[in-house]
Amino acid sequence: MADILKQKGLDVDIPDRNDERTALQWAARLGHDDITKALLDKRASIKRKDKDEKTALHWAATEGRETVVKLLLD
């Protein structure tokens, strides 16, 4: 998915309308390791904050997503 977005010239850091969360923040929150890695490989921002001022790392840690936390810290 991240490859397709980048190939089409789309920004992988575009937030959703409701929560202002990016695909990386959602993937981190939901524990999708493979999607998180793909988005990081496409240089998705780990610093971007949503409307609650939380980053992908905040979400991964809050939800107990250990593998995602490690990916984000590497």
PDB file of N, CA and C in Angstrom:
ATOM      1  N   MET A   1       0.809  -1.183   0.000  1.00  0.00           N
ATOM      2  CA  MET A   1       0.000   0.000   0.000  1.00  0.00           C
ATOM      3  C   MET A   1       0.862   1.260   0.000  1.00  0.00           C
ATOM      4  N   ALA A   2       1.867   1.293   0.871  1.00  0.00           N
ATOM      5  CA  ALA A   2       2.752   2.455   0.929  1.00  0.00           C
ATOM      6  C   ALA A   2       3.465   2.650  -0.401  1.00  0.00           C
ATOM      7  N   ASP A   3       3.852   1.547  -1.050  1.00  0.00           N
ATOM      8  CA  ASP A   3       4.496   1.634  -2.363  1.00  0.00           C
ATOM      9  C   ASP A   3       3.576   2.288  -3.377  1.00  0.00           C
ATOM     10  N   ILE A   4       2.332   1.871  -3.385  1.00  0.00           N
ATOM     11  CA  ILE A   4       1.361   2.417  -4.338  1.00  0.00           C
ATOM     12  C   ILE A   4       1.178   3.914  -4.113  1.00  0.00           C
ATOM     13  N   LEU A   5       1.067   4.314  -2.861  1.00  0.00           N
ATOM     14  CA  LEU A   5       0.906   5.736  -2.558  1.00  0.00           C
ATOM     15  C   LEU A   5       2.086   6.547  -3.063  1.00  0.00           C
ATOM     16  N   LYS A   6       3.296   6.069  -2.779  1.00  0.00           N
ATOM     17  CA  LYS A   6       4.490   6.792  -3.207  1.00  0.00           C
ATOM     18  C   LYS A   6       4.616   6.805  -4.726  1.00  0.00           C
ATOM     19  N   GLN A   7       4.289   5.684  -5.393  1.00  0.00           N
ATOM     20  CA  GLN A   7       4.361   5.622  -6.854  1.00  0.00           C
ATOM     21  C   GLN A   7       3.410   6.630  -7.490  1.00  0.00           C
ATOM     22  N   LYS A   8       2.278   6.838  -6.871  1.00  0.00           N
ATOM     23  CA  LYS A   8       1.288   7.791  -7.388  1.00  0.00           C
ATOM     24  C   LYS A   8       1.623   9.222  -6.975  1.00  0.00           C
ATOM     25  N   GLY A   9       2.704   9.386  -6.220  1.00  0.00           N
ATOM     26  CA  GLY A   9       3.108  10.710  -5.780  1.00  0.00           C
ATOM     27  C   GLY A   9       2.289  11.244  -4.613  1.00  0.00           C
ATOM     28  N   LEU A  10       1.621  10.346  -3.905  1.00  0.00           N
ATOM     29  CA  LEU A  10       0.799  10.766  -2.775  1.00  0.00           C
ATOM     30  C   LEU A  10       1.606  10.760  -1.481  1.00  0.00           C
ATOM     31  N   ASP A  11       1.261  11.649  -0.612  1.00  0.00           N
ATOM     32  CA  ASP A  11       1.939  11.810   0.671  1.00  0.00           C
ATOM     33  C   ASP A  11       1.427  10.767   1.667  1.00  0.00           C
ATOM     34  N   VAL A  12       2.325   9.936   2.197  1.00  0.00           N
ATOM     35  CA  VAL A  12       1.910   8.914   3.170  1.00  0.00           C
ATOM     36  C   VAL A  12       1.588   9.523   4.535  1.00  0.00           C
ATOM     37  N   ASP A  13       1.848  10.811   4.703  1.00  0.00           N
ATOM     38  CA  ASP A  13       1.596  11.477   5.982  1.00  0.00           C
ATOM     39  C   ASP A  13       0.300  12.286   6.009  1.00  0.00           C
ATOM     40  N   ILE A  14      -0.553  12.114   5.023  1.00  0.00           N
ATOM     41  CA  ILE A  14      -1.824  12.835   5.026  1.00  0.00           C
ATOM     42  C   ILE A  14      -2.702  12.267   6.145  1.00  0.00           C
ATOM     43  N   PRO A  15      -3.181  13.134   7.043  1.00  0.00           N
ATOM     44  CA  PRO A  15      -4.007  12.646   8.154  1.00  0.00           C
ATOM     45  C   PRO A  15      -5.471  12.465   7.748  1.00  0.00           C
ATOM     46  N   ASP A  16      -6.179  11.672   8.542  1.00  0.00           N
ATOM     47  CA  ASP A  16      -7.620  11.548   8.316  1.00  0.00           C
ATOM     48  C   ASP A  16      -8.316  12.807   8.842  1.00  0.00           C
ATOM     49  N   ARG A  17      -9.553  12.957   8.487  1.00  0.00           N
ATOM     50  CA  ARG A  17     -10.284  14.186   8.840  1.00  0.00           C
ATOM     51  C   ARG A  17     -10.735  14.232  10.295  1.00  0.00           C
ATOM     52  N   ASN A  18     -11.110  13.097  10.834  1.00  0.00           N
ATOM     53  CA  ASN A  18     -11.689  13.094  12.179  1.00  0.00           C
ATOM     54  C   ASN A  18     -10.661  13.242  13.291  1.00  0.00           C
ATOM     55  N   ASP A  19      -9.646  12.391  13.265  1.00  0.00           N
ATOM     56  CA  ASP A  19      -8.676  12.347  14.361  1.00  0.00           C
ATOM     57  C   ASP A  19      -7.336  12.975  14.003  1.00  0.00           C
ATOM     58  N   GLU A  20      -7.200  13.370  12.742  1.00  0.00           N
ATOM     59  CA  GLU A  20      -5.942  13.917  12.235  1.00  0.00           C
ATOM     60  C   GLU A  20      -4.794  12.929  12.408  1.00  0.00           C
ATOM     61  N   ARG A  21      -5.112  11.624  12.279  1.00  0.00           N
ATOM     62  CA  ARG A  21      -4.096  10.575  12.378  1.00  0.00           C
ATOM     63  C   ARG A  21      -3.657  10.139  10.990  1.00  0.00           C
ATOM     64  N   THR A  22      -2.369   9.843  10.897  1.00  0.00           N
ATOM     65  CA  THR A  22      -1.812   9.345   9.646  1.00  0.00           C
ATOM     66  C   THR A  22      -1.925   7.826   9.594  1.00  0.00           C
ATOM     67  N   ALA A  23      -1.620   7.282   8.443  1.00  0.00           N
ATOM     68  CA  ALA A  23      -1.627   5.822   8.289  1.00  0.00           C
ATOM     69  C   ALA A  23      -0.652   5.179   9.272  1.00  0.00           C
ATOM     70  N   LEU A  24       0.498   5.821   9.493  1.00  0.00           N
ATOM     71  CA  LEU A  24       1.477   5.275  10.438  1.00  0.00           C
ATOM     72  C   LEU A  24       0.909   5.254  11.857  1.00  0.00           C
ATOM     73  N   GLN A  25       0.234   6.301  12.251  1.00  0.00           N
ATOM     74  CA  GLN A  25      -0.356   6.332  13.592  1.00  0.00           C
ATOM     75  C   GLN A  25      -1.416   5.247  13.754  1.00  0.00           C
ATOM     76  N   TRP A  26      -2.239   5.043  12.738  1.00  0.00           N
ATOM     77  CA  TRP A  26      -3.246   3.987  12.806  1.00  0.00           C
ATOM     78  C   TRP A  26      -2.596   2.609  12.833  1.00  0.00           C
ATOM     79  N   ALA A  27      -1.598   2.396  11.985  1.00  0.00           N
ATOM     80  CA  ALA A  27      -0.922   1.094  11.954  1.00  0.00           C
ATOM     81  C   ALA A  27      -0.263   0.801  13.299  1.00  0.00           C
ATOM     82  N   ALA A  28       0.373   1.815  13.881  1.00  0.00           N
ATOM     83  CA  ALA A  28       1.024   1.650  15.183  1.00  0.00           C
ATOM     84  C   ALA A  28      -0.003   1.352  16.270  1.00  0.00           C
ATOM     85  N   ARG A  29      -1.078   2.090  16.267  1.00  0.00           N
ATOM     86  CA  ARG A  29      -2.120   1.912  17.285  1.00  0.00           C
ATOM     87  C   ARG A  29      -2.742   0.523  17.215  1.00  0.00           C
ATOM     88  N   LEU A  30      -2.948   0.031  15.991  1.00  0.00           N
ATOM     89  CA  LEU A  30      -3.608  -1.261  15.804  1.00  0.00           C
ATOM     90  C   LEU A  30      -2.644  -2.442  15.789  1.00  0.00           C
ATOM     91  N   GLY A  31      -1.337  -2.154  15.853  1.00  0.00           N
ATOM     92  CA  GLY A  31      -0.345  -3.226  15.932  1.00  0.00           C
ATOM     93  C   GLY A  31      -0.042  -3.917  14.621  1.00  0.00           C
ATOM     94  N   HIS A  32      -0.202  -3.224  13.509  1.00  0.00           N
ATOM     95  CA  HIS A  32       0.094  -3.794  12.194  1.00  0.00           C
ATOM     96  C   HIS A  32       1.588  -3.612  11.885  1.00  0.00           C
ATOM     97  N   ASP A  33       2.384  -4.587  12.315  1.00  0.00           N
ATOM     98  CA  ASP A  33       3.842  -4.503  12.173  1.00  0.00           C
ATOM     99  C   ASP A  33       4.270  -4.319  10.721  1.00  0.00           C
ATOM    100  N   ASP A  34       3.692  -5.123   9.822  1.00  0.00           N
ATOM    101  CA  ASP A  34       4.100  -5.085   8.419  1.00  0.00           C
ATOM    102  C   ASP A  34       3.773  -3.746   7.768  1.00  0.00           C
ATOM    103  N   ILE A  35       2.621  -3.198   8.069  1.00  0.00           N
ATOM    104  CA  ILE A  35       2.251  -1.899   7.500  1.00  0.00           C
ATOM    105  C   ILE A  35       3.112  -0.798   8.103  1.00  0.00           C
ATOM    106  N   THR A  36       3.362  -0.878   9.398  1.00  0.00           N
ATOM    107  CA  THR A  36       4.241   0.097  10.050  1.00  0.00           C
ATOM    108  C   THR A  36       5.603   0.104   9.381  1.00  0.00           C
ATOM    109  N   LYS A  37       6.175  -1.070   9.166  1.00  0.00           N
ATOM    110  CA  LYS A  37       7.493  -1.160   8.529  1.00  0.00           C
ATOM    111  C   LYS A  37       7.459  -0.594   7.117  1.00  0.00           C
ATOM    112  N   ALA A  38       6.435  -0.930   6.345  1.00  0.00           N
ATOM    113  CA  ALA A  38       6.322  -0.424   4.970  1.00  0.00           C
ATOM    114  C   ALA A  38       6.232   1.099   4.953  1.00  0.00           C
ATOM    115  N   LEU A  39       5.463   1.666   5.859  1.00  0.00           N
ATOM    116  CA  LEU A  39       5.338   3.122   5.920  1.00  0.00           C
ATOM    117  C   LEU A  39       6.642   3.777   6.359  1.00  0.00           C
ATOM    118  N   LEU A  40       7.334   3.170   7.302  1.00  0.00           N
ATOM    119  CA  LEU A  40       8.637   3.697   7.715  1.00  0.00           C
ATOM    120  C   LEU A  40       9.638   3.631   6.570  1.00  0.00           C
ATOM    121  N   ASP A  41       9.593   2.546   5.803  1.00  0.00           N
ATOM    122  CA  ASP A  41      10.478   2.414   4.638  1.00  0.00           C
ATOM    123  C   ASP A  41      10.220   3.513   3.614  1.00  0.00           C
ATOM    124  N   LYS A  42       8.994   4.015   3.579  1.00  0.00           N
ATOM    125  CA  LYS A  42       8.622   5.100   2.660  1.00  0.00           C
ATOM    126  C   LYS A  42       8.751   6.466   3.326  1.00  0.00           C
ATOM    127  N   ARG A  43       9.430   6.482   4.456  1.00  0.00           N
ATOM    128  CA  ARG A  43       9.761   7.709   5.185  1.00  0.00           C
ATOM    129  C   ARG A  43       8.552   8.447   5.766  1.00  0.00           C
ATOM    130  N   ALA A  44       7.587   7.681   6.252  1.00  0.00           N
ATOM    131  CA  ALA A  44       6.474   8.300   6.976  1.00  0.00           C
ATOM    132  C   ALA A  44       7.029   8.966   8.232  1.00  0.00           C
ATOM    133  N   SER A  45       6.474  10.087   8.589  1.00  0.00           N
ATOM    134  CA  SER A  45       6.961  10.852   9.736  1.00  0.00           C
ATOM    135  C   SER A  45       6.585  10.189  11.056  1.00  0.00           C
ATOM    136  N   ILE A  46       7.591   9.985  11.897  1.00  0.00           N
ATOM    137  CA  ILE A  46       7.327   9.443  13.234  1.00  0.00           C
ATOM    138  C   ILE A  46       7.060  10.572  14.234  1.00  0.00           C
ATOM    139  N   LYS A  47       7.279  11.816  13.818  1.00  0.00           N
ATOM    140  CA  LYS A  47       7.118  12.961  14.712  1.00  0.00           C
ATOM    141  C   LYS A  47       5.738  13.609  14.637  1.00  0.00           C
ATOM    142  N   ARG A  48       4.992  13.283  13.619  1.00  0.00           N
ATOM    143  CA  ARG A  48       3.681  13.915  13.418  1.00  0.00           C
ATOM    144  C   ARG A  48       2.727  13.574  14.568  1.00  0.00           C
ATOM    145  N   LYS A  49       1.987  14.576  15.026  1.00  0.00           N
ATOM    146  CA  LYS A  49       1.037  14.389  16.125  1.00  0.00           C
ATOM    147  C   LYS A  49      -0.394  14.496  15.606  1.00  0.00           C
ATOM    148  N   ASP A  50      -1.282  13.739  16.225  1.00  0.00           N
ATOM    149  CA  ASP A  50      -2.698  13.807  15.867  1.00  0.00           C
ATOM    150  C   ASP A  50      -3.386  14.892  16.700  1.00  0.00           C
ATOM    151  N   LYS A  51      -4.706  14.964  16.628  1.00  0.00           N
ATOM    152  CA  LYS A  51      -5.425  16.021  17.356  1.00  0.00           C
ATOM    153  C   LYS A  51      -5.301  15.884  18.870  1.00  0.00           C
ATOM    154  N   ASP A  52      -4.929  14.692  19.335  1.00  0.00           N
ATOM    155  CA  ASP A  52      -4.707  14.471  20.765  1.00  0.00           C
ATOM    156  C   ASP A  52      -3.250  14.676  21.161  1.00  0.00           C
ATOM    157  N   GLU A  53      -2.458  15.192  20.202  1.00  0.00           N
ATOM    158  CA  GLU A  53      -1.025  15.442  20.425  1.00  0.00           C
ATOM    159  C   GLU A  53      -0.223  14.162  20.634  1.00  0.00           C
ATOM    160  N   LYS A  54      -0.686  13.042  20.050  1.00  0.00           N
ATOM    161  CA  LYS A  54       0.019  11.767  20.176  1.00  0.00           C
ATOM    162  C   LYS A  54       0.682  11.388  18.859  1.00  0.00           C
ATOM    163  N   THR A  55       1.888  10.845  18.970  1.00  0.00           N
ATOM    164  CA  THR A  55       2.616  10.340  17.809  1.00  0.00           C
ATOM    165  C   THR A  55       2.339   8.843  17.656  1.00  0.00           C
ATOM    166  N   ALA A  56       2.874   8.273  16.596  1.00  0.00           N
ATOM    167  CA  ALA A  56       2.748   6.824  16.387  1.00  0.00           C
ATOM    168  C   ALA A  56       3.361   6.066  17.567  1.00  0.00           C
ATOM    169  N   LEU A  57       4.488   6.552  18.079  1.00  0.00           N
ATOM    170  CA  LEU A  57       5.132   5.899  19.222  1.00  0.00           C
ATOM    171  C   LEU A  57       4.235   5.947  20.462  1.00  0.00           C
ATOM    172  N   HIS A  58       3.611   7.083  20.704  1.00  0.00           N
ATOM    173  CA  HIS A  58       2.669   7.176  21.826  1.00  0.00           C
ATOM    174  C   HIS A  58       1.586   6.108  21.701  1.00  0.00           C
ATOM    175  N   TRP A  59       1.000   5.991  20.510  1.00  0.00           N
ATOM    176  CA  TRP A  59      -0.082   5.028  20.310  1.00  0.00           C
ATOM    177  C   TRP A  59       0.397   3.595  20.485  1.00  0.00           C
ATOM    178  N   ALA A  60       1.544   3.277  19.903  1.00  0.00           N
ATOM    179  CA  ALA A  60       2.061   1.910  20.012  1.00  0.00           C
ATOM    180  C   ALA A  60       2.327   1.545  21.474  1.00  0.00           C
ATOM    181  N   ALA A  61       2.928   2.462  22.216  1.00  0.00           N
ATOM    182  CA  ALA A  61       3.232   2.205  23.627  1.00  0.00           C
ATOM    183  C   ALA A  61       1.953   2.095  24.457  1.00  0.00           C
ATOM    184  N   THR A  62       1.016   3.003  24.233  1.00  0.00           N
ATOM    185  CA  THR A  62      -0.250   2.998  24.972  1.00  0.00           C
ATOM    186  C   THR A  62      -1.021   1.704  24.760  1.00  0.00           C
ATOM    187  N   GLU A  63      -0.981   1.192  23.535  1.00  0.00           N
ATOM    188  CA  GLU A  63      -1.733  -0.018  23.192  1.00  0.00           C
ATOM    189  C   GLU A  63      -0.939  -1.306  23.426  1.00  0.00           C
ATOM    190  N   GLY A  64       0.301  -1.180  23.917  1.00  0.00           N
ATOM    191  CA  GLY A  64       1.111  -2.360  24.219  1.00  0.00           C
ATOM    192  C   GLY A  64       1.637  -3.091  22.996  1.00  0.00           C
ATOM    193  N   ARG A  65       1.886  -2.364  21.929  1.00  0.00           N
ATOM    194  CA  ARG A  65       2.365  -2.959  20.668  1.00  0.00           C
ATOM    195  C   ARG A  65       3.896  -2.975  20.663  1.00  0.00           C
ATOM    196  N   GLU A  66       4.476  -3.932  21.364  1.00  0.00           N
ATOM    197  CA  GLU A  66       5.929  -3.978  21.577  1.00  0.00           C
ATOM    198  C   GLU A  66       6.729  -4.032  20.282  1.00  0.00           C
ATOM    199  N   THR A  67       6.304  -4.848  19.343  1.00  0.00           N
ATOM    200  CA  THR A  67       7.040  -4.968  18.081  1.00  0.00           C
ATOM    201  C   THR A  67       7.029  -3.644  17.328  1.00  0.00           C
ATOM    202  N   VAL A  68       5.892  -2.979  17.315  1.00  0.00           N
ATOM    203  CA  VAL A  68       5.788  -1.684  16.639  1.00  0.00           C
ATOM    204  C   VAL A  68       6.656  -0.648  17.347  1.00  0.00           C
ATOM    205  N   VAL A  69       6.656  -0.654  18.673  1.00  0.00           N
ATOM    206  CA  VAL A  69       7.511   0.276  19.423  1.00  0.00           C
ATOM    207  C   VAL A  69       8.964   0.087  19.000  1.00  0.00           C
ATOM    208  N   LYS A  70       9.412  -1.154  18.918  1.00  0.00           N
ATOM    209  CA  LYS A  70      10.796  -1.431  18.505  1.00  0.00           C
ATOM    210  C   LYS A  70      11.063  -0.922  17.098  1.00  0.00           C
ATOM    211  N   LEU A  71      10.118  -1.124  16.182  1.00  0.00           N
ATOM    212  CA  LEU A  71      10.280  -0.630  14.812  1.00  0.00           C
ATOM    213  C   LEU A  71      10.421   0.889  14.796  1.00  0.00           C
ATOM    214  N   LEU A  72       9.615   1.558  15.577  1.00  0.00           N
ATOM    215  CA  LEU A  72       9.635   3.021  15.606  1.00  0.00           C
ATOM    216  C   LEU A  72      10.902   3.573  16.250  1.00  0.00           C
ATOM    217  N   LEU A  73      11.478   2.832  17.173  1.00  0.00           N
ATOM    218  CA  LEU A  73      12.689   3.298  17.850  1.00  0.00           C
ATOM    219  C   LEU A  73      13.971   2.982  17.088  1.00  0.00           C
ATOM    220  N   ASP A  74      13.904   2.048  16.148  1.00  0.00           N
ATOM    221  CA  ASP A  74      15.114   1.672  15.386  1.00  0.00           C
ATOM    222  C   ASP A  74      15.549   2.720  14.402  1.00  0.00           C
TER     223      ASP A  74
END
